[in-house]
Amino acid sequence: MFMFHVALSLGLIALTAGSALYVFSSECKGKGTCFAQAVAILVILVSLISSACTIYCGIKFCQEGNAMMCMGHGMKMQDNAMPGGKVKAEDTKRQ
C-alpha cells in the first residue's frame, strides 16, 4: 500500500510540473514555446493516465483484501502467542 501512495504522489508531482510548464510556455513568445507546450501536454497526459491506473490498481488491491497483508507483517508473531504470553502447544511441537 505504501508503493501506491508513492506512485500516486509522483504522478501528481508530474501533473503539477507539466501544468506549470504549459502555463509558463503559454506566456512566453519565441522559439521553442511550441515544443515546450507539446512536451507539457505529453507530460500531463501521461501523468493523468498513470495516476488513473494507479488509483484503479490501488482500489482493486484493497477490494481483494490484500491491503491488510502489507500492514500485518508483525501479526505472525502475535498470532502464535495466546493471551497471557503463553505459547500454543502446536508451536512447541514444531520446535
N, C-alpha and C. Protein backbone atom coordinates (compact mmCIF):
# COMPACT_ATOMS: atom_id res chain seq x y z
N MET A 1 0.83 -1.18 0.00
CA MET A 1 0.00 0.00 0.00
C MET A 1 0.87 1.25 0.00
N PHE A 2 2.05 1.14 0.60
CA PHE A 2 2.97 2.27 0.63
C PHE A 2 3.39 2.65 -0.79
N MET A 3 3.61 1.65 -1.63
CA MET A 3 4.02 1.91 -3.01
C MET A 3 2.90 2.63 -3.78
N PHE A 4 1.66 2.33 -3.44
CA PHE A 4 0.53 3.02 -4.06
C PHE A 4 0.61 4.51 -3.77
N HIS A 5 0.88 4.85 -2.52
CA HIS A 5 0.95 6.26 -2.15
C HIS A 5 2.13 6.96 -2.81
N VAL A 6 3.25 6.28 -2.91
CA VAL A 6 4.43 6.86 -3.56
C VAL A 6 4.16 7.08 -5.05
N ALA A 7 3.58 6.09 -5.71
CA ALA A 7 3.30 6.21 -7.14
C ALA A 7 2.29 7.31 -7.42
N LEU A 8 1.28 7.41 -6.58
CA LEU A 8 0.27 8.46 -6.77
C LEU A 8 0.88 9.84 -6.54
N SER A 9 1.73 9.96 -5.54
CA SER A 9 2.39 11.24 -5.27
C SER A 9 3.28 11.65 -6.44
N LEU A 10 4.04 10.71 -6.99
CA LEU A 10 4.89 11.03 -8.14
C LEU A 10 4.06 11.42 -9.36
N GLY A 11 2.91 10.77 -9.53
CA GLY A 11 2.03 11.14 -10.63
C GLY A 11 1.49 12.55 -10.48
N LEU A 12 1.14 12.92 -9.26
CA LEU A 12 0.63 14.28 -9.02
C LEU A 12 1.74 15.33 -9.16
N ILE A 13 2.97 14.97 -8.78
CA ILE A 13 4.10 15.89 -8.97
C ILE A 13 4.34 16.10 -10.46
N ALA A 14 4.28 15.03 -11.25
CA ALA A 14 4.46 15.15 -12.70
C ALA A 14 3.34 15.98 -13.32
N LEU A 15 2.12 15.81 -12.83
CA LEU A 15 0.99 16.60 -13.33
C LEU A 15 1.20 18.08 -13.04
N THR A 16 1.67 18.38 -11.83
CA THR A 16 1.93 19.76 -11.46
C THR A 16 3.06 20.35 -12.30
N ALA A 17 4.11 19.59 -12.51
CA ALA A 17 5.23 20.08 -13.32
C ALA A 17 4.81 20.31 -14.77
N GLY A 18 4.01 19.40 -15.32
CA GLY A 18 3.52 19.58 -16.68
C GLY A 18 2.61 20.79 -16.81
N SER A 19 1.76 20.98 -15.82
CA SER A 19 0.87 22.15 -15.84
C SER A 19 1.65 23.44 -15.74
N ALA A 20 2.66 23.46 -14.87
CA ALA A 20 3.50 24.66 -14.73
C ALA A 20 4.25 24.96 -16.03
N LEU A 21 4.78 23.92 -16.66
CA LEU A 21 5.49 24.11 -17.92
C LEU A 21 4.55 24.66 -18.99
N TYR A 22 3.34 24.14 -19.03
CA TYR A 22 2.38 24.63 -20.03
C TYR A 22 2.00 26.09 -19.79
N VAL A 23 1.76 26.44 -18.53
CA VAL A 23 1.37 27.82 -18.21
C VAL A 23 2.50 28.78 -18.54
N PHE A 24 3.72 28.44 -18.15
CA PHE A 24 4.84 29.34 -18.40
C PHE A 24 5.19 29.41 -19.88
N SER A 25 5.04 28.31 -20.61
CA SER A 25 5.34 28.35 -22.04
C SER A 25 4.24 29.07 -22.82
N SER A 26 3.04 29.12 -22.29
CA SER A 26 1.96 29.86 -22.95
C SER A 26 2.18 31.36 -22.87
N GLU A 27 2.80 31.80 -21.80
CA GLU A 27 3.02 33.24 -21.59
C GLU A 27 4.19 33.76 -22.41
N CYS A 28 5.14 32.89 -22.75
CA CYS A 28 6.33 33.33 -23.49
C CYS A 28 6.08 33.26 -24.98
N LYS A 29 6.74 34.13 -25.69
CA LYS A 29 6.67 34.13 -27.16
C LYS A 29 8.09 33.96 -27.68
N GLY A 30 8.26 33.16 -28.67
CA GLY A 30 9.58 32.98 -29.25
C GLY A 30 9.78 31.54 -29.68
N LYS A 31 11.03 31.25 -30.01
CA LYS A 31 11.37 29.91 -30.47
C LYS A 31 11.29 28.93 -29.31
N GLY A 32 10.81 27.74 -29.59
CA GLY A 32 10.78 26.68 -28.59
C GLY A 32 9.52 26.63 -27.74
N THR A 33 8.68 27.63 -27.83
CA THR A 33 7.48 27.61 -26.99
C THR A 33 6.49 26.54 -27.46
N CYS A 34 6.43 26.32 -28.77
CA CYS A 34 5.54 25.28 -29.29
C CYS A 34 6.01 23.90 -28.83
N PHE A 35 7.33 23.69 -28.86
CA PHE A 35 7.89 22.42 -28.39
C PHE A 35 7.65 22.25 -26.89
N ALA A 36 7.81 23.33 -26.12
CA ALA A 36 7.60 23.26 -24.67
C ALA A 36 6.14 22.95 -24.35
N GLN A 37 5.23 23.52 -25.12
CA GLN A 37 3.81 23.23 -24.91
C GLN A 37 3.49 21.79 -25.27
N ALA A 38 4.10 21.28 -26.34
CA ALA A 38 3.87 19.89 -26.73
C ALA A 38 4.40 18.93 -25.66
N VAL A 39 5.58 19.22 -25.12
CA VAL A 39 6.14 18.39 -24.05
C VAL A 39 5.25 18.47 -22.82
N ALA A 40 4.77 19.67 -22.50
CA ALA A 40 3.90 19.84 -21.32
C ALA A 40 2.61 19.04 -21.47
N ILE A 41 2.01 19.08 -22.65
CA ILE A 41 0.78 18.32 -22.88
C ILE A 41 1.05 16.83 -22.79
N LEU A 42 2.18 16.39 -23.32
CA LEU A 42 2.55 14.98 -23.24
C LEU A 42 2.74 14.54 -21.78
N VAL A 43 3.42 15.37 -20.99
CA VAL A 43 3.64 15.06 -19.57
C VAL A 43 2.31 15.02 -18.83
N ILE A 44 1.43 15.94 -19.12
CA ILE A 44 0.12 15.98 -18.46
C ILE A 44 -0.69 14.73 -18.80
N LEU A 45 -0.71 14.35 -20.08
CA LEU A 45 -1.47 13.16 -20.48
C LEU A 45 -0.92 11.88 -19.85
N VAL A 46 0.39 11.73 -19.89
CA VAL A 46 1.00 10.52 -19.32
C VAL A 46 0.77 10.47 -17.81
N SER A 47 0.88 11.60 -17.12
CA SER A 47 0.67 11.59 -15.67
C SER A 47 -0.79 11.34 -15.32
N LEU A 48 -1.72 11.84 -16.11
CA LEU A 48 -3.14 11.57 -15.86
C LEU A 48 -3.46 10.08 -16.06
N ILE A 49 -2.95 9.51 -17.14
CA ILE A 49 -3.18 8.09 -17.39
C ILE A 49 -2.53 7.23 -16.31
N SER A 50 -1.31 7.58 -15.94
CA SER A 50 -0.60 6.84 -14.90
C SER A 50 -1.30 6.94 -13.55
N SER A 51 -1.76 8.13 -13.20
CA SER A 51 -2.46 8.31 -11.93
C SER A 51 -3.78 7.55 -11.92
N ALA A 52 -4.50 7.56 -13.04
CA ALA A 52 -5.76 6.81 -13.12
C ALA A 52 -5.51 5.32 -12.97
N CYS A 53 -4.47 4.82 -13.60
CA CYS A 53 -4.12 3.40 -13.49
C CYS A 53 -3.70 3.05 -12.06
N THR A 54 -2.94 3.94 -11.42
CA THR A 54 -2.51 3.72 -10.04
C THR A 54 -3.70 3.69 -9.10
N ILE A 55 -4.63 4.60 -9.28
CA ILE A 55 -5.83 4.62 -8.43
C ILE A 55 -6.66 3.36 -8.65
N TYR A 56 -6.83 2.96 -9.90
CA TYR A 56 -7.61 1.75 -10.20
C TYR A 56 -6.97 0.51 -9.56
N CYS A 57 -5.66 0.37 -9.73
CA CYS A 57 -4.97 -0.80 -9.16
C CYS A 57 -4.97 -0.76 -7.64
N GLY A 58 -4.87 0.42 -7.06
CA GLY A 58 -4.92 0.54 -5.60
C GLY A 58 -6.27 0.17 -5.04
N ILE A 59 -7.33 0.60 -5.70
CA ILE A 59 -8.69 0.25 -5.26
C ILE A 59 -8.92 -1.25 -5.43
N LYS A 60 -8.48 -1.80 -6.55
CA LYS A 60 -8.62 -3.24 -6.79
C LYS A 60 -7.85 -4.04 -5.74
N PHE A 61 -6.65 -3.59 -5.38
CA PHE A 61 -5.82 -4.24 -4.38
C PHE A 61 -6.52 -4.23 -3.02
N CYS A 62 -7.14 -3.11 -2.67
CA CYS A 62 -7.84 -3.01 -1.38
C CYS A 62 -9.10 -3.87 -1.36
N GLN A 63 -9.82 -3.93 -2.48
CA GLN A 63 -11.05 -4.70 -2.52
C GLN A 63 -10.78 -6.19 -2.42
N GLU A 64 -9.63 -6.63 -2.87
CA GLU A 64 -9.28 -8.05 -2.77
C GLU A 64 -8.84 -8.44 -1.37
N GLY A 65 -8.68 -7.45 -0.51
CA GLY A 65 -8.30 -7.74 0.86
C GLY A 65 -6.81 -7.85 1.08
N ASN A 66 -6.03 -7.42 0.12
CA ASN A 66 -4.58 -7.52 0.24
C ASN A 66 -3.97 -6.34 0.97
N ALA A 67 -4.75 -5.32 1.25
CA ALA A 67 -4.19 -4.13 1.90
C ALA A 67 -3.75 -4.44 3.32
N MET A 68 -4.44 -5.31 4.00
CA MET A 68 -4.06 -5.65 5.36
C MET A 68 -2.82 -6.53 5.37
N MET A 69 -2.54 -7.21 4.28
CA MET A 69 -1.36 -8.06 4.20
C MET A 69 -0.09 -7.22 4.35
N CYS A 70 -0.09 -6.04 3.77
CA CYS A 70 1.09 -5.18 3.87
C CYS A 70 1.29 -4.66 5.28
N MET A 71 0.21 -4.38 5.96
CA MET A 71 0.31 -3.82 7.30
C MET A 71 0.49 -4.89 8.36
N GLY A 72 0.22 -6.14 8.05
CA GLY A 72 0.20 -7.18 9.07
C GLY A 72 1.43 -8.04 9.13
N HIS A 73 2.60 -7.53 8.75
CA HIS A 73 3.81 -8.34 8.82
C HIS A 73 4.13 -8.76 10.24
N GLY A 74 3.87 -7.92 11.22
CA GLY A 74 4.17 -8.24 12.60
C GLY A 74 3.10 -9.09 13.27
N MET A 75 2.04 -9.37 12.58
CA MET A 75 0.93 -10.11 13.17
C MET A 75 1.25 -11.59 13.34
N LYS A 76 2.20 -12.15 12.59
CA LYS A 76 2.52 -13.56 12.71
C LYS A 76 3.02 -13.89 14.11
N MET A 77 3.82 -13.03 14.64
CA MET A 77 4.35 -13.26 15.99
C MET A 77 3.22 -13.18 17.01
N GLN A 78 2.28 -12.27 16.81
CA GLN A 78 1.18 -12.11 17.75
C GLN A 78 0.19 -13.27 17.63
N ASP A 79 0.04 -13.84 16.46
CA ASP A 79 -0.89 -14.95 16.27
C ASP A 79 -0.39 -16.22 16.95
N ASN A 80 0.92 -16.37 17.07
CA ASN A 80 1.48 -17.58 17.68
C ASN A 80 1.34 -17.59 19.19
N ALA A 81 1.18 -16.46 19.80
CA ALA A 81 1.10 -16.39 21.26
C ALA A 81 -0.36 -16.28 21.70
N MET A 82 -0.67 -16.95 22.76
CA MET A 82 -2.01 -16.87 23.33
C MET A 82 -2.06 -15.70 24.29
N PRO A 83 -3.25 -15.26 24.67
CA PRO A 83 -3.34 -14.19 25.66
C PRO A 83 -2.68 -14.64 26.97
N GLY A 84 -1.96 -13.74 27.57
CA GLY A 84 -1.27 -14.07 28.80
C GLY A 84 0.19 -14.43 28.55
N GLY A 85 0.64 -14.39 27.30
CA GLY A 85 2.03 -14.64 26.98
C GLY A 85 2.39 -16.11 26.83
N LYS A 86 1.41 -17.01 26.84
CA LYS A 86 1.70 -18.44 26.71
C LYS A 86 1.78 -18.81 25.24
N VAL A 87 2.63 -19.74 24.92
CA VAL A 87 2.79 -20.20 23.55
C VAL A 87 1.85 -21.37 23.33
N LYS A 88 1.25 -21.44 22.14
CA LYS A 88 0.34 -22.54 21.82
C LYS A 88 1.10 -23.86 21.81
N ALA A 89 0.42 -24.94 22.09
CA ALA A 89 1.04 -26.26 22.14
C ALA A 89 1.54 -26.68 20.76
N GLU A 90 0.85 -26.24 19.69
CA GLU A 90 1.26 -26.60 18.34
C GLU A 90 2.64 -26.02 18.01
N ASP A 91 2.94 -24.83 18.54
CA ASP A 91 4.21 -24.19 18.25
C ASP A 91 5.36 -24.88 18.94
N THR A 92 5.13 -25.47 20.10
CA THR A 92 6.22 -26.15 20.80
C THR A 92 6.55 -27.47 20.11
N LYS A 93 5.56 -28.09 19.45
CA LYS A 93 5.81 -29.33 18.74
C LYS A 93 6.67 -29.09 17.51
N ARG A 94 6.54 -27.92 16.88
CA ARG A 94 7.30 -27.60 15.68
C ARG A 94 8.78 -27.46 15.99
N GLN A 95 9.09 -27.02 17.18
CA GLN A 95 10.50 -26.77 17.54
C GLN A 95 11.12 -28.05 17.90
